[in-house]
C-alpha atoms as a PDB file:
ATOM      1  CA  MET A   1     169.253 116.802 101.444  1.00  0.00           C
ATOM      2  CA  HIS A   2     167.163 119.608 100.046  1.00  0.00           C
ATOM      3  CA  ILE A   3     166.711 121.129  96.609  1.00  0.00           C
ATOM      4  CA  ARG A   4     166.924 124.882  96.224  1.00  0.00           C
ATOM      5  CA  GLU A   5     167.642 127.555  93.662  1.00  0.00           C
ATOM      6  CA  TYR A   6     171.246 128.049  92.635  1.00  0.00           C
ATOM      7  CA  THR A   7     173.158 130.940  94.205  1.00  0.00           C
ATOM      8  CA  ASN A   8     176.497 132.434  93.208  1.00  0.00           C
ATOM      9  CA  LYS A   9     178.194 130.769  96.191  1.00  0.00           C
ATOM     10  CA  ASP A  10     177.403 127.387  94.559  1.00  0.00           C
ATOM     11  CA  LYS A  11     179.385 128.112  91.402  1.00  0.00           C
ATOM     12  CA  ARG A  12     182.674 126.358  92.218  1.00  0.00           C
ATOM     13  CA  GLN A  13     180.981 123.173  93.419  1.00  0.00           C
ATOM     14  CA  VAL A  14     178.610 123.058  90.443  1.00  0.00           C
ATOM     15  CA  VAL A  15     181.464 123.600  87.982  1.00  0.00           C
ATOM     16  CA  ASP A  16     183.482 120.840  89.673  1.00  0.00           C
ATOM     17  CA  LEU A  17     180.476 118.480  89.605  1.00  0.00           C
ATOM     18  CA  TRP A  18     179.817 119.112  85.912  1.00  0.00           C
ATOM     19  CA  LYS A  19     183.485 118.528  85.073  1.00  0.00           C
ATOM     20  CA  GLU A  20     183.357 115.219  86.954  1.00  0.00           C
ATOM     21  CA  ILE A  21     180.073 114.000  85.483  1.00  0.00           C
ATOM     22  CA  PHE A  22     180.567 115.336  81.955  1.00  0.00           C
ATOM     23  CA  PRO A  23     184.274 114.626  81.252  1.00  0.00           C
ATOM     24  CA  GLY A  24     185.609 115.519  77.853  1.00  0.00           C
ATOM     25  CA  ILE A  25     182.839 118.027  77.358  1.00  0.00           C
ATOM     26  CA  LEU A  26     183.046 120.065  74.198  1.00  0.00           C
ATOM     27  CA  PRO A  27     184.369 123.614  74.585  1.00  0.00           C
ATOM     28  CA  HIS A  28     181.001 125.145  73.730  1.00  0.00           C
ATOM     29  CA  HIS A  29     179.566 123.363  76.803  1.00  0.00           C
ATOM     30  CA  ASN A  30     182.114 124.835  79.210  1.00  0.00           C
ATOM     31  CA  ALA A  31     180.587 124.708  82.712  1.00  0.00           C
ATOM     32  CA  GLU A  32     181.645 128.178  83.823  1.00  0.00           C
ATOM     33  CA  THR A  33     180.438 129.784  80.592  1.00  0.00           C
ATOM     34  CA  SER A  34     177.146 127.873  80.678  1.00  0.00           C
ATOM     35  CA  ILE A  35     176.419 129.032  84.227  1.00  0.00           C
ATOM     36  CA  LYS A  36     177.409 132.617  83.460  1.00  0.00           C
ATOM     37  CA  ASN A  37     175.199 132.691  80.361  1.00  0.00           C
ATOM     38  CA  LYS A  38     172.270 131.117  82.202  1.00  0.00           C
ATOM     39  CA  ILE A  39     172.455 133.647  85.045  1.00  0.00           C
ATOM     40  CA  CYS A  40     172.794 136.594  82.644  1.00  0.00           C
ATOM     41  CA  TYR A  41     169.851 135.469  80.527  1.00  0.00           C
ATOM     42  CA  ASP A  42     167.442 134.035  83.093  1.00  0.00           C
ATOM     43  CA  LYS A  43     168.058 132.944  86.677  1.00  0.00           C
ATOM     44  CA  LYS A  44     165.006 130.673  86.756  1.00  0.00           C
ATOM     45  CA  LEU A  45     165.162 126.888  86.557  1.00  0.00           C
ATOM     46  CA  LEU A  46     168.698 126.387  87.884  1.00  0.00           C
ATOM     47  CA  TYR A  47     168.631 124.195  90.979  1.00  0.00           C
ATOM     48  CA  VAL A  48     171.032 122.395  93.268  1.00  0.00           C
ATOM     49  CA  ALA A  49     170.594 119.437  95.596  1.00  0.00           C
ATOM     50  CA  ALA A  50     172.500 120.264  98.758  1.00  0.00           C
ATOM     51  CA  ASP A  51     173.497 118.105 101.691  1.00  0.00           C
ATOM     52  CA  LYS A  52     174.388 120.736 104.272  1.00  0.00           C
ATOM     53  CA  ASP A  53     176.980 122.874 102.431  1.00  0.00           C
ATOM     54  CA  ARG A  54     177.895 120.253  99.851  1.00  0.00           C
ATOM     55  CA  ILE A  55     176.329 120.300  96.384  1.00  0.00           C
ATOM     56  CA  ILE A  56     175.527 116.697  95.418  1.00  0.00           C
ATOM     57  CA  GLY A  57     173.348 117.338  92.389  1.00  0.00           C
ATOM     58  CA  THR A  58     172.248 120.002  89.973  1.00  0.00           C
ATOM     59  CA  VAL A  59     169.936 120.587  87.055  1.00  0.00           C
ATOM     60  CA  MET A  60     169.487 123.447  84.628  1.00  0.00           C
ATOM     61  CA  GLY A  61     166.233 123.991  82.787  1.00  0.00           C
ATOM     62  CA  GLY A  62     165.124 126.483  80.192  1.00  0.00           C
ATOM     63  CA  TYR A  63     161.927 127.850  78.694  1.00  0.00           C
ATOM     64  CA  ASP A  64     161.589 129.919  75.539  1.00  0.00           C
ATOM     65  CA  GLY A  65     157.832 130.461  75.683  1.00  0.00           C
ATOM     66  CA  HIS A  66     157.186 127.452  73.436  1.00  0.00           C
ATOM     67  CA  ARG A  67     158.979 124.437  74.931  1.00  0.00           C
ATOM     68  CA  GLY A  68     160.803 123.672  78.123  1.00  0.00           C
ATOM     69  CA  TRP A  69     164.177 121.962  78.207  1.00  0.00           C
ATOM     70  CA  ILE A  70     166.213 120.031  80.740  1.00  0.00           C
ATOM     71  CA  TYR A  71     169.964 120.497  80.524  1.00  0.00           C
ATOM     72  CA  SER A  72     172.903 119.373  82.623  1.00  0.00           C
ATOM     73  CA  LEU A  73     171.327 117.044  85.163  1.00  0.00           C
ATOM     74  CA  ALA A  74     174.183 115.762  87.307  1.00  0.00           C
ATOM     75  CA  VAL A  75     174.320 113.804  90.557  1.00  0.00           C
ATOM     76  CA  HIS A  76     177.558 112.827  92.279  1.00  0.00           C
ATOM     77  CA  LYS A  77     178.326 109.187  91.554  1.00  0.00           C
ATOM     78  CA  PHE A  78     178.301 108.272  95.260  1.00  0.00           C
ATOM     79  CA  CYS A  79     174.779 109.747  95.652  1.00  0.00           C
ATOM     80  CA  ARG A  80     173.057 107.968  92.791  1.00  0.00           C
ATOM     81  CA  LYS A  81     170.153 105.521  93.126  1.00  0.00           C
ATOM     82  CA  LYS A  82     168.707 107.572  95.999  1.00  0.00           C
ATOM     83  CA  GLY A  83     166.058 109.511  94.072  1.00  0.00           C
ATOM     84  CA  ILE A  84     168.028 112.770  93.884  1.00  0.00           C
ATOM     85  CA  GLY A  85     168.029 112.916  90.089  1.00  0.00           C
ATOM     86  CA  LYS A  86     164.302 112.246  89.955  1.00  0.00           C
ATOM     87  CA  GLN A  87     163.656 114.991  92.516  1.00  0.00           C
ATOM     88  CA  LEU A  88     165.742 117.430  90.464  1.00  0.00           C
ATOM     89  CA  VAL A  89     163.747 116.558  87.327  1.00  0.00           C
ATOM     90  CA  GLN A  90     160.514 117.072  89.255  1.00  0.00           C
ATOM     91  CA  LYS A  91     161.752 120.461  90.518  1.00  0.00           C
ATOM     92  CA  VAL A  92     162.390 121.656  86.959  1.00  0.00           C
ATOM     93  CA  GLU A  93     158.999 120.316  85.870  1.00  0.00           C
ATOM     94  CA  GLU A  94     157.318 122.227  88.710  1.00  0.00           C
ATOM     95  CA  GLY A  95     159.126 125.406  87.673  1.00  0.00           C
ATOM     96  CA  LEU A  96     158.095 124.918  84.054  1.00  0.00           C
ATOM     97  CA  LYS A  97     154.456 124.336  85.043  1.00  0.00           C
ATOM     98  CA  LYS A  98     154.485 127.636  86.942  1.00  0.00           C
ATOM     99  CA  LEU A  99     155.577 129.286  83.686  1.00  0.00           C
ATOM    100  CA  LYS A 100     152.632 127.593  81.882  1.00  0.00           C
ATOM    101  CA  CYS A 101     154.980 125.409  79.835  1.00  0.00           C
ATOM    102  CA  ALA A 102     153.042 122.612  78.124  1.00  0.00           C
ATOM    103  CA  LYS A 103     155.915 120.254  77.215  1.00  0.00           C
ATOM    104  CA  VAL A 104     159.486 119.590  78.263  1.00  0.00           C
ATOM    105  CA  ASN A 105     162.199 118.147  76.027  1.00  0.00           C
ATOM    106  CA  LEU A 106     165.708 116.866  76.569  1.00  0.00           C
ATOM    107  CA  GLN A 107     168.443 115.346  74.493  1.00  0.00           C
ATOM    108  CA  ILE A 108     170.540 112.296  75.329  1.00  0.00           C
ATOM    109  CA  LEU A 109     173.343 110.678  73.408  1.00  0.00           C
ATOM    110  CA  GLU A 110     171.903 107.605  71.712  1.00  0.00           C
ATOM    111  CA  SER A 111     174.622 105.433  73.245  1.00  0.00           C
ATOM    112  CA  ASN A 112     173.894 106.516  76.852  1.00  0.00           C
ATOM    113  CA  ASN A 113     171.570 103.648  77.783  1.00  0.00           C
ATOM    114  CA  SER A 114     171.627 104.145  81.552  1.00  0.00           C
ATOM    115  CA  VAL A 115     170.537 107.772  81.203  1.00  0.00           C
ATOM    116  CA  ILE A 116     167.829 106.795  78.717  1.00  0.00           C
ATOM    117  CA  GLU A 117     166.474 104.278  81.244  1.00  0.00           C
ATOM    118  CA  PHE A 118     166.618 106.874  84.028  1.00  0.00           C
ATOM    119  CA  TYR A 119     164.493 109.331  82.055  1.00  0.00           C
ATOM    120  CA  LYS A 120     162.020 106.590  81.070  1.00  0.00           C
ATOM    121  CA  LYS A 121     161.525 105.936  84.793  1.00  0.00           C
ATOM    122  CA  CYS A 122     160.829 109.682  85.154  1.00  0.00           C
ATOM    123  CA  GLY A 123     157.995 109.407  82.609  1.00  0.00           C
ATOM    124  CA  PHE A 124     159.802 110.499  79.431  1.00  0.00           C
ATOM    125  CA  SER A 125     159.444 108.603  76.172  1.00  0.00           C
ATOM    126  CA  THR A 126     161.443 108.498  72.981  1.00  0.00           C
ATOM    127  CA  GLU A 127     160.038 110.637  70.173  1.00  0.00           C
ATOM    128  CA  GLN A 128     160.814 110.149  66.514  1.00  0.00           C
ATOM    129  CA  ARG A 129     162.846 113.271  65.829  1.00  0.00           C
ATOM    130  CA  ILE A 130     166.126 114.170  64.268  1.00  0.00           C
ATOM    131  CA  SER A 131     168.198 116.482  66.414  1.00  0.00           C
ATOM    132  CA  MET A 132     170.155 118.973  64.376  1.00  0.00           C
ATOM    133  CA  GLY A 133     172.637 121.601  65.448  1.00  0.00           C
ATOM    134  CA  LYS A 134     174.846 124.285  64.032  1.00  0.00           C
ATOM    135  CA  LYS A 135     177.787 125.910  65.783  1.00  0.00           C
ATOM    136  CA  LEU A 136     177.643 129.671  65.572  1.00  0.00           C
ATOM    137  CA  TYR A 137     181.293 130.065  66.535  1.00  0.00           C
ATOM    138  CA  LYS A 138     184.422 127.936  66.442  1.00  0.00           C
ATOM    139  CA  ASP A 139     185.606 126.157  69.586  1.00  0.00           C
END
């Protein structure tokens, strides 16, 4: 297994992985649209974990010049508990450090305890914040 930058040939496998790992995703988080928008805006910080030609994990990061973000970390269910997710997080962190990013954030559903524990093991801590959002278009 190795981690590398995303390429266009990875699209179908990444979309399929996201649909598997994030079922019932809201329309504004559509996998194909998210990838297209990421590539059009900035190709940096989009990585895949590949085992030969098979994509077994992926992570998308972002940086706006102020804060870094981790989005869409996904590892195939049969590949979990092998350190792949942690390596993907570390890859995004390395990319953010190269961009001189001082802090990385992420958001997790409050009810997703296993993911909260995973990120704690990666060195993240809960911050007292209120996450707010506003849809700019209808789904």
